[in-house]
């Protein structure tokens, strides 16, 4: 059992895969993902593990883990997984609680700004994704870079449409 903290929502992530053992590497992008920190939350072989909220008092499903790096873990939102397979979870009354309305509204607004500027964010050197998270207690765009560099910092705006942008070094995102 490991614990972590949701670090970002509505993430667009580029994940590296291999087509067979020691085969050719390729990348695929996913949208609407959940970021979890710290990176030790997910280890090799944990792909497919169920991520739950507050195990001690309310173990509701949140996501299905599948990728990460030394800095972050990546999960598909559980409702998306259930919908894709046309299934429900036995013994679970619904999925994770919705975020408080004012915060949910702010996250939705920041998500729209992030999506409108997805190309600009992806063009930053060594960018591997972007998400909505908190910076100084307020919703912000999180720009995820494989490696923090002067070029990445120079290419990243401090804010987009009034929304702060925070650059996070996350390493290479790989499938687990």
Protein backbone atom coordinates (compact mmCIF):
# COMPACT_ATOMS: atom_id res chain seq x y z
CA UNK A 1 0.00 0.00 0.00
CA UNK A 2 1.38 3.39 -0.95
CA UNK A 3 -0.01 6.86 -0.46
CA UNK A 4 0.27 9.94 -2.57
CA UNK A 5 -1.38 13.22 -3.35
CA UNK A 6 -3.31 14.21 -6.45
CA UNK A 7 -1.01 16.80 -8.00
CA UNK A 8 -2.93 17.54 -11.20
CA UNK A 9 -6.19 16.94 -13.03
CA UNK A 10 -7.24 16.97 -16.67
CA UNK A 11 -3.66 16.18 -17.67
CA UNK A 12 -2.51 15.65 -21.22
CA UNK A 13 0.46 13.28 -21.05
CA UNK A 14 2.84 11.72 -23.56
CA UNK A 15 3.74 8.18 -22.46
CA UNK A 16 6.59 6.10 -23.85
CA UNK A 17 5.92 2.44 -24.68
CA UNK A 18 7.86 -0.41 -26.27
CA UNK A 19 6.10 -2.62 -28.82
CA UNK A 20 7.68 -5.80 -27.33
CA UNK A 21 10.44 -6.79 -24.90
CA UNK A 22 13.35 -4.47 -25.71
CA UNK A 23 11.46 -3.49 -28.87
CA UNK A 24 11.03 -0.23 -30.69
CA UNK A 25 9.94 2.66 -28.48
CA UNK A 26 6.96 4.81 -29.42
CA UNK A 27 4.87 7.43 -27.66
CA UNK A 28 1.13 7.90 -27.24
CA UNK A 29 -0.70 10.87 -25.75
CA UNK A 30 -3.59 10.65 -23.30
CA UNK A 31 -5.94 13.41 -22.17
CA UNK A 32 -8.04 13.88 -19.04
CA UNK A 33 -5.56 12.00 -16.82
CA UNK A 34 -4.76 12.30 -13.10
CA UNK A 35 -1.25 13.10 -11.81
CA UNK A 36 -0.15 11.72 -8.44
CA UNK A 37 2.97 12.58 -6.46
CA UNK A 38 5.41 11.49 -5.26
CA UNK A 39 6.83 9.30 -8.03
CA UNK A 40 7.40 6.45 -5.56
CA UNK A 41 3.62 6.04 -5.53
CA UNK A 42 3.92 3.77 -8.59
CA UNK A 43 6.51 1.09 -9.28
CA UNK A 44 7.16 -1.30 -12.14
CA UNK A 45 4.40 -3.92 -12.24
CA UNK A 46 1.80 -1.67 -10.59
CA UNK A 47 0.03 -0.91 -13.87
CA UNK A 48 -3.66 -1.67 -13.45
CA UNK A 49 -3.68 -0.97 -9.71
CA UNK A 50 -6.77 0.75 -8.36
CA UNK A 51 -6.18 4.17 -6.83
CA UNK A 52 -8.62 4.96 -4.01
CA UNK A 53 -9.45 8.07 -2.03
CA UNK A 54 -8.84 8.17 1.73
CA UNK A 55 -8.59 4.42 2.34
CA UNK A 56 -9.14 4.65 6.11
CA UNK A 57 -12.47 6.44 6.13
CA UNK A 58 -13.89 6.32 2.62
CA UNK A 59 -12.20 4.02 0.08
CA UNK A 60 -13.87 5.23 -3.10
CA UNK A 61 -12.20 4.44 -6.43
CA UNK A 62 -10.45 7.34 -8.16
CA UNK A 63 -8.36 5.95 -10.99
CA UNK A 64 -6.49 3.09 -12.61
CA UNK A 65 -2.70 3.50 -12.56
CA UNK A 66 -0.70 2.78 -15.71
CA UNK A 67 2.33 5.05 -16.20
CA UNK A 68 4.74 7.38 -14.45
CA UNK A 69 8.25 8.57 -13.81
CA UNK A 70 10.50 9.08 -10.82
CA UNK A 71 8.46 12.20 -10.02
CA UNK A 72 4.80 11.44 -10.82
CA UNK A 73 2.36 8.60 -11.37
CA UNK A 74 -0.38 8.71 -14.01
CA UNK A 75 -3.90 7.29 -13.67
CA UNK A 76 -6.95 7.07 -15.90
CA UNK A 77 -10.03 8.45 -14.11
CA UNK A 78 -11.92 5.35 -12.95
CA UNK A 79 -15.27 6.44 -14.38
CA UNK A 80 -13.69 6.68 -17.85
CA UNK A 81 -12.34 3.13 -17.45
CA UNK A 82 -15.71 1.78 -16.27
CA UNK A 83 -17.52 3.56 -19.12
CA UNK A 84 -15.07 2.20 -21.71
CA UNK A 85 -15.81 -1.36 -20.61
CA UNK A 86 -19.50 -0.80 -19.90
CA UNK A 87 -19.15 -2.05 -16.33
CA UNK A 88 -19.76 -0.89 -12.76
CA UNK A 89 -17.99 -1.73 -9.52
CA UNK A 90 -19.78 -4.07 -7.12
CA UNK A 91 -20.10 -2.84 -3.55
CA UNK A 92 -19.17 0.73 -4.38
CA UNK A 93 -21.78 3.45 -4.23
CA UNK A 94 -20.52 5.83 -6.86
CA UNK A 95 -17.02 7.09 -7.56
CA UNK A 96 -15.00 9.84 -5.95
CA UNK A 97 -16.72 12.81 -4.45
CA UNK A 98 -16.98 15.86 -6.63
CA UNK A 99 -14.73 18.76 -5.80
CA UNK A 100 -16.34 21.67 -3.94
CA UNK A 101 -18.23 23.87 -6.42
CA UNK A 102 -16.02 27.01 -6.30
CA UNK A 103 -12.86 24.95 -6.83
CA UNK A 104 -14.51 22.78 -9.50
CA UNK A 105 -15.55 25.92 -11.38
CA UNK A 106 -12.02 27.36 -11.19
CA UNK A 107 -10.50 24.04 -12.35
CA UNK A 108 -12.92 23.98 -15.29
CA UNK A 109 -11.97 27.53 -16.28
CA UNK A 110 -8.24 26.81 -16.07
CA UNK A 111 -8.77 23.57 -18.04
CA UNK A 112 -10.33 25.57 -20.87
CA UNK A 113 -7.36 27.97 -20.97
CA UNK A 114 -4.97 25.00 -20.91
CA UNK A 115 -6.76 23.25 -23.77
CA UNK A 116 -6.91 26.42 -25.91
CA UNK A 117 -3.13 26.71 -25.50
CA UNK A 118 -2.22 23.01 -25.74
CA UNK A 119 -0.09 23.50 -28.86
CA UNK A 120 1.84 26.35 -27.29
CA UNK A 121 2.49 24.28 -24.15
CA UNK A 122 3.52 21.19 -26.14
CA UNK A 123 6.05 23.29 -28.10
CA UNK A 124 8.14 24.03 -25.00
CA UNK A 125 11.44 22.09 -25.22
CA UNK A 126 11.26 18.70 -23.46
CA UNK A 127 7.54 19.13 -22.65
CA UNK A 128 5.84 15.80 -21.86
CA UNK A 129 2.46 17.14 -20.80
CA UNK A 130 0.34 19.71 -19.04
CA UNK A 131 -2.30 19.61 -16.33
CA UNK A 132 -4.37 21.72 -13.97
CA UNK A 133 -3.02 21.88 -10.44
CA UNK A 134 -2.49 24.27 -7.59
CA UNK A 135 0.24 26.87 -7.35
CA UNK A 136 0.35 28.94 -4.17
CA UNK A 137 -3.12 27.60 -3.30
CA UNK A 138 -4.77 28.73 -6.56
CA UNK A 139 -5.59 26.79 -9.74
CA UNK A 140 -2.76 26.98 -12.26
CA UNK A 141 -1.51 25.34 -15.43
CA UNK A 142 1.24 22.82 -14.71
CA UNK A 143 3.67 22.41 -17.60
CA UNK A 144 5.41 19.05 -17.28
CA UNK A 145 8.89 18.83 -18.74
CA UNK A 146 11.20 15.84 -18.95
CA UNK A 147 14.13 18.00 -17.95
CA UNK A 148 14.20 21.53 -16.60
CA UNK A 149 16.45 23.63 -18.81
CA UNK A 150 17.07 27.30 -19.56
CA UNK A 151 15.38 26.75 -22.96
CA UNK A 152 12.24 25.31 -21.33
CA UNK A 153 12.07 28.14 -18.81
CA UNK A 154 12.60 30.79 -21.52
CA UNK A 155 9.84 29.28 -23.68
CA UNK A 156 7.30 29.08 -20.83
CA UNK A 157 5.06 32.08 -20.21
CA UNK A 158 4.59 33.15 -16.58
CA UNK A 159 0.84 33.22 -17.22
CA UNK A 160 -1.64 32.52 -20.02
CA UNK A 161 -4.87 34.51 -20.10
CA UNK A 162 -4.22 35.51 -16.50
CA UNK A 163 -3.68 31.90 -15.34
CA UNK A 164 -0.26 31.25 -13.76
CA UNK A 165 1.94 28.60 -15.39
CA UNK A 166 4.24 26.50 -13.22
CA UNK A 167 6.97 24.34 -14.77
CA UNK A 168 7.56 20.94 -13.16
CA UNK A 169 10.41 18.57 -13.99
CA UNK A 170 8.89 15.07 -14.09
CA UNK A 171 11.38 13.00 -16.09
CA UNK A 172 10.41 10.66 -18.89
CA UNK A 173 6.88 9.23 -18.51
CA UNK A 174 6.87 5.49 -19.22
CA UNK A 175 4.22 2.78 -19.13
CA UNK A 176 4.43 0.51 -16.11
